[in-house]
N, C-alpha and C. Protein backbone atom coordinates (compact mmCIF):
# COMPACT_ATOMS: atom_id res chain seq x y z
N MET A 1 86.71 86.18 84.61
CA MET A 1 86.76 85.20 83.78
C MET A 1 85.68 84.12 84.65
N ARG A 2 85.09 83.58 83.73
CA ARG A 2 84.08 82.56 84.16
C ARG A 2 84.45 81.01 83.31
N ALA A 3 84.41 80.14 84.25
CA ALA A 3 84.47 79.02 83.52
C ALA A 3 83.27 78.02 83.88
N PRO A 4 82.66 77.53 82.92
CA PRO A 4 81.62 76.61 83.18
C PRO A 4 81.69 75.20 83.50
N GLY A 5 81.08 74.60 85.02
CA GLY A 5 81.32 73.50 85.25
C GLY A 5 80.92 72.42 84.38
N ARG A 6 81.70 71.28 84.36
CA ARG A 6 81.97 70.17 83.76
C ARG A 6 81.98 69.04 84.62
N VAL A 7 81.32 67.95 84.01
CA VAL A 7 81.29 66.59 84.26
C VAL A 7 81.67 65.62 83.24
N SER A 8 82.09 64.37 83.66
CA SER A 8 82.66 63.65 82.36
C SER A 8 81.70 62.40 82.80
N ILE A 9 80.99 61.66 81.58
CA ILE A 9 80.34 60.78 81.71
C ILE A 9 80.74 59.89 80.57
N LEU A 10 80.63 58.48 80.73
CA LEU A 10 81.15 57.61 79.85
C LEU A 10 80.60 57.89 78.39
N GLY A 11 81.88 57.53 77.38
CA GLY A 11 81.66 57.87 76.12
C GLY A 11 82.75 58.44 75.06
N GLU A 12 83.11 59.78 75.47
CA GLU A 12 84.03 60.34 74.34
C GLU A 12 85.39 60.20 74.19
N HIS A 13 86.21 60.17 75.30
CA HIS A 13 87.73 59.90 75.32
C HIS A 13 88.14 59.02 76.41
N ALA A 14 89.36 58.53 76.67
CA ALA A 14 89.77 57.82 77.63
C ALA A 14 90.40 59.05 78.86
N ASP A 15 90.16 58.88 79.84
CA ASP A 15 90.58 59.73 81.01
C ASP A 15 92.05 58.91 81.65
N TYR A 16 92.63 59.49 82.65
CA TYR A 16 93.98 58.95 83.02
C TYR A 16 94.07 57.47 83.31
N CYS A 17 92.66 56.95 83.86
CA CYS A 17 92.65 55.52 84.27
C CYS A 17 92.49 54.60 83.36
N GLY A 18 92.35 55.27 81.78
CA GLY A 18 91.94 54.53 80.59
C GLY A 18 90.51 53.80 80.56
N TYR A 19 89.72 54.80 81.24
CA TYR A 19 88.03 54.59 81.12
C TYR A 19 87.66 55.80 80.13
N ASN A 20 86.53 55.16 79.62
CA ASN A 20 85.99 56.25 78.60
C ASN A 20 85.22 57.49 79.23
N VAL A 21 85.32 58.43 78.85
CA VAL A 21 84.22 59.65 79.24
C VAL A 21 83.57 60.23 78.32
N LEU A 22 82.59 61.18 78.68
CA LEU A 22 82.03 62.20 77.76
C LEU A 22 81.76 63.38 78.58
N PRO A 23 82.55 64.56 78.64
CA PRO A 23 82.28 65.83 79.19
C PRO A 23 80.80 66.32 78.73
N ALA A 24 80.12 67.14 80.12
CA ALA A 24 78.62 67.48 79.74
C ALA A 24 78.85 68.95 80.78
N ALA A 25 78.13 69.77 80.09
CA ALA A 25 78.22 71.15 81.14
C ALA A 25 77.19 70.82 82.14
N ILE A 26 77.42 71.58 83.38
CA ILE A 26 76.63 71.57 84.55
C ILE A 26 76.31 72.93 84.86
N GLU A 27 75.42 73.37 85.80
CA GLU A 27 74.73 74.53 86.07
C GLU A 27 75.69 75.47 86.54
N GLN A 28 76.76 74.52 87.74
CA GLN A 28 77.50 75.48 88.64
C GLN A 28 78.71 75.81 87.70
N ASP A 29 79.54 76.98 87.89
CA ASP A 29 80.51 77.54 87.31
C ASP A 29 81.56 78.19 88.30
N PHE A 30 82.43 78.55 87.71
CA PHE A 30 83.76 79.02 88.64
C PHE A 30 83.88 80.52 87.89
N ILE A 31 83.85 81.61 88.88
CA ILE A 31 84.11 82.86 88.24
C ILE A 31 85.23 83.44 89.16
N ILE A 32 86.07 84.05 88.41
CA ILE A 32 87.28 84.66 89.23
C ILE A 32 87.19 86.30 88.81
N ALA A 33 87.67 87.10 89.61
CA ALA A 33 87.74 88.62 89.37
C ALA A 33 88.78 88.82 90.44
N TYR A 34 89.51 89.99 89.72
CA TYR A 34 90.81 90.45 90.71
C TYR A 34 91.09 92.09 90.24
N ILE A 35 91.83 92.52 91.55
CA ILE A 35 92.15 94.06 91.75
C ILE A 35 93.58 93.78 92.07
N ARG A 36 94.25 94.41 91.41
CA ARG A 36 95.67 94.58 91.86
C ARG A 36 96.05 95.87 92.69
N VAL A 37 96.58 95.72 93.80
CA VAL A 37 96.92 96.76 94.64
C VAL A 37 98.25 97.20 94.75
N LYS A 38 98.81 97.89 94.27
CA LYS A 38 100.19 98.62 93.53
C LYS A 38 100.98 98.58 95.02
N GLU A 39 100.29 99.24 96.06
CA GLU A 39 101.24 99.70 97.27
C GLU A 39 100.23 99.91 98.67
N GLY A 40 100.78 99.72 99.53
CA GLY A 40 100.21 99.86 100.94
C GLY A 40 99.26 98.33 101.47
N PRO A 41 98.34 98.38 101.96
CA PRO A 41 98.01 97.34 103.08
C PRO A 41 97.47 96.56 101.44
N GLY A 42 97.78 95.08 101.78
CA GLY A 42 97.28 94.13 100.79
C GLY A 42 98.03 93.77 99.44
N CYS A 43 99.16 95.00 99.23
CA CYS A 43 100.04 94.87 98.06
C CYS A 43 100.83 93.28 98.12
N ASP A 44 101.06 92.71 99.02
CA ASP A 44 102.01 91.59 99.03
C ASP A 44 101.13 90.41 99.49
N GLU A 45 99.89 90.36 98.93
CA GLU A 45 99.05 89.07 99.27
C GLU A 45 97.90 88.92 98.28
N ILE A 46 97.39 87.80 98.30
CA ILE A 46 96.46 87.33 97.35
C ILE A 46 95.06 86.92 98.39
N ARG A 47 94.31 87.42 98.34
CA ARG A 47 93.11 87.02 99.37
C ARG A 47 91.87 86.18 98.42
N VAL A 48 91.69 85.04 98.91
CA VAL A 48 90.47 84.11 97.94
C VAL A 48 89.15 84.47 98.79
N HIS A 49 88.05 84.94 98.05
CA HIS A 49 86.74 84.85 98.78
C HIS A 49 85.91 83.97 97.90
N ASN A 50 84.80 83.59 98.63
CA ASN A 50 83.91 82.80 97.99
C ASN A 50 82.34 83.52 98.25
N THR A 51 81.57 83.21 97.54
CA THR A 51 80.05 83.92 97.76
C THR A 51 79.36 83.22 98.80
N ASP A 52 80.05 82.28 99.32
CA ASP A 52 79.51 81.51 100.52
C ASP A 52 80.34 81.50 101.65
N GLN A 53 80.62 82.76 102.40
CA GLN A 53 81.59 83.14 103.34
C GLN A 53 81.51 82.34 104.81
N HIS A 54 80.39 81.72 104.67
CA HIS A 54 80.02 81.13 106.04
C HIS A 54 80.41 79.79 105.90
N CYS A 55 80.60 78.96 104.99
CA CYS A 55 81.17 77.55 104.72
C CYS A 55 82.74 77.77 104.23
N HIS A 56 83.11 79.01 103.68
CA HIS A 56 84.40 79.09 103.01
C HIS A 56 84.70 80.64 103.42
N PRO A 57 85.33 80.51 104.47
CA PRO A 57 86.04 81.76 105.06
C PRO A 57 87.43 82.68 104.03
N ILE A 58 87.36 83.49 104.15
CA ILE A 58 88.47 84.38 103.40
C ILE A 58 90.10 83.66 103.52
N ILE A 59 90.43 83.38 102.66
CA ILE A 59 92.01 82.94 102.74
C ILE A 59 92.95 84.18 102.38
N LYS A 60 94.18 84.15 103.06
CA LYS A 60 95.02 85.16 102.69
C LYS A 60 96.38 84.33 102.44
N ILE A 61 96.81 84.60 101.19
CA ILE A 61 98.10 84.12 100.71
C ILE A 61 99.27 85.04 100.64
N THR A 62 100.24 85.06 101.28
CA THR A 62 101.34 85.88 101.18
C THR A 62 102.01 85.84 99.88
N THR A 63 102.45 86.94 99.28
CA THR A 63 103.24 86.79 97.83
C THR A 63 104.94 87.19 98.13
N ASP A 64 105.25 87.25 99.39
CA ASP A 64 106.44 87.33 99.86
C ASP A 64 107.14 86.09 99.79
N PRO A 65 108.28 86.31 98.93
CA PRO A 65 109.16 85.09 98.60
C PRO A 65 109.76 84.47 99.98
N TYR A 66 110.29 85.47 100.83
CA TYR A 66 111.07 85.30 102.07
C TYR A 66 110.39 85.00 103.56
């Protein structure tokens, strides 16, 4: 899935603080891909990777509710 980046500039509609904004596309974007592991290592966690792993290391989040 890909979501293009956006910024808001004065003009189009009111934001949560009551100011006017105008969304505009920017070059940066957000891309997400996933694979489901049905059993074995990794089946009970979500791993978040970034293309720049030097600045943003891998994060592991457990899906175990206990």
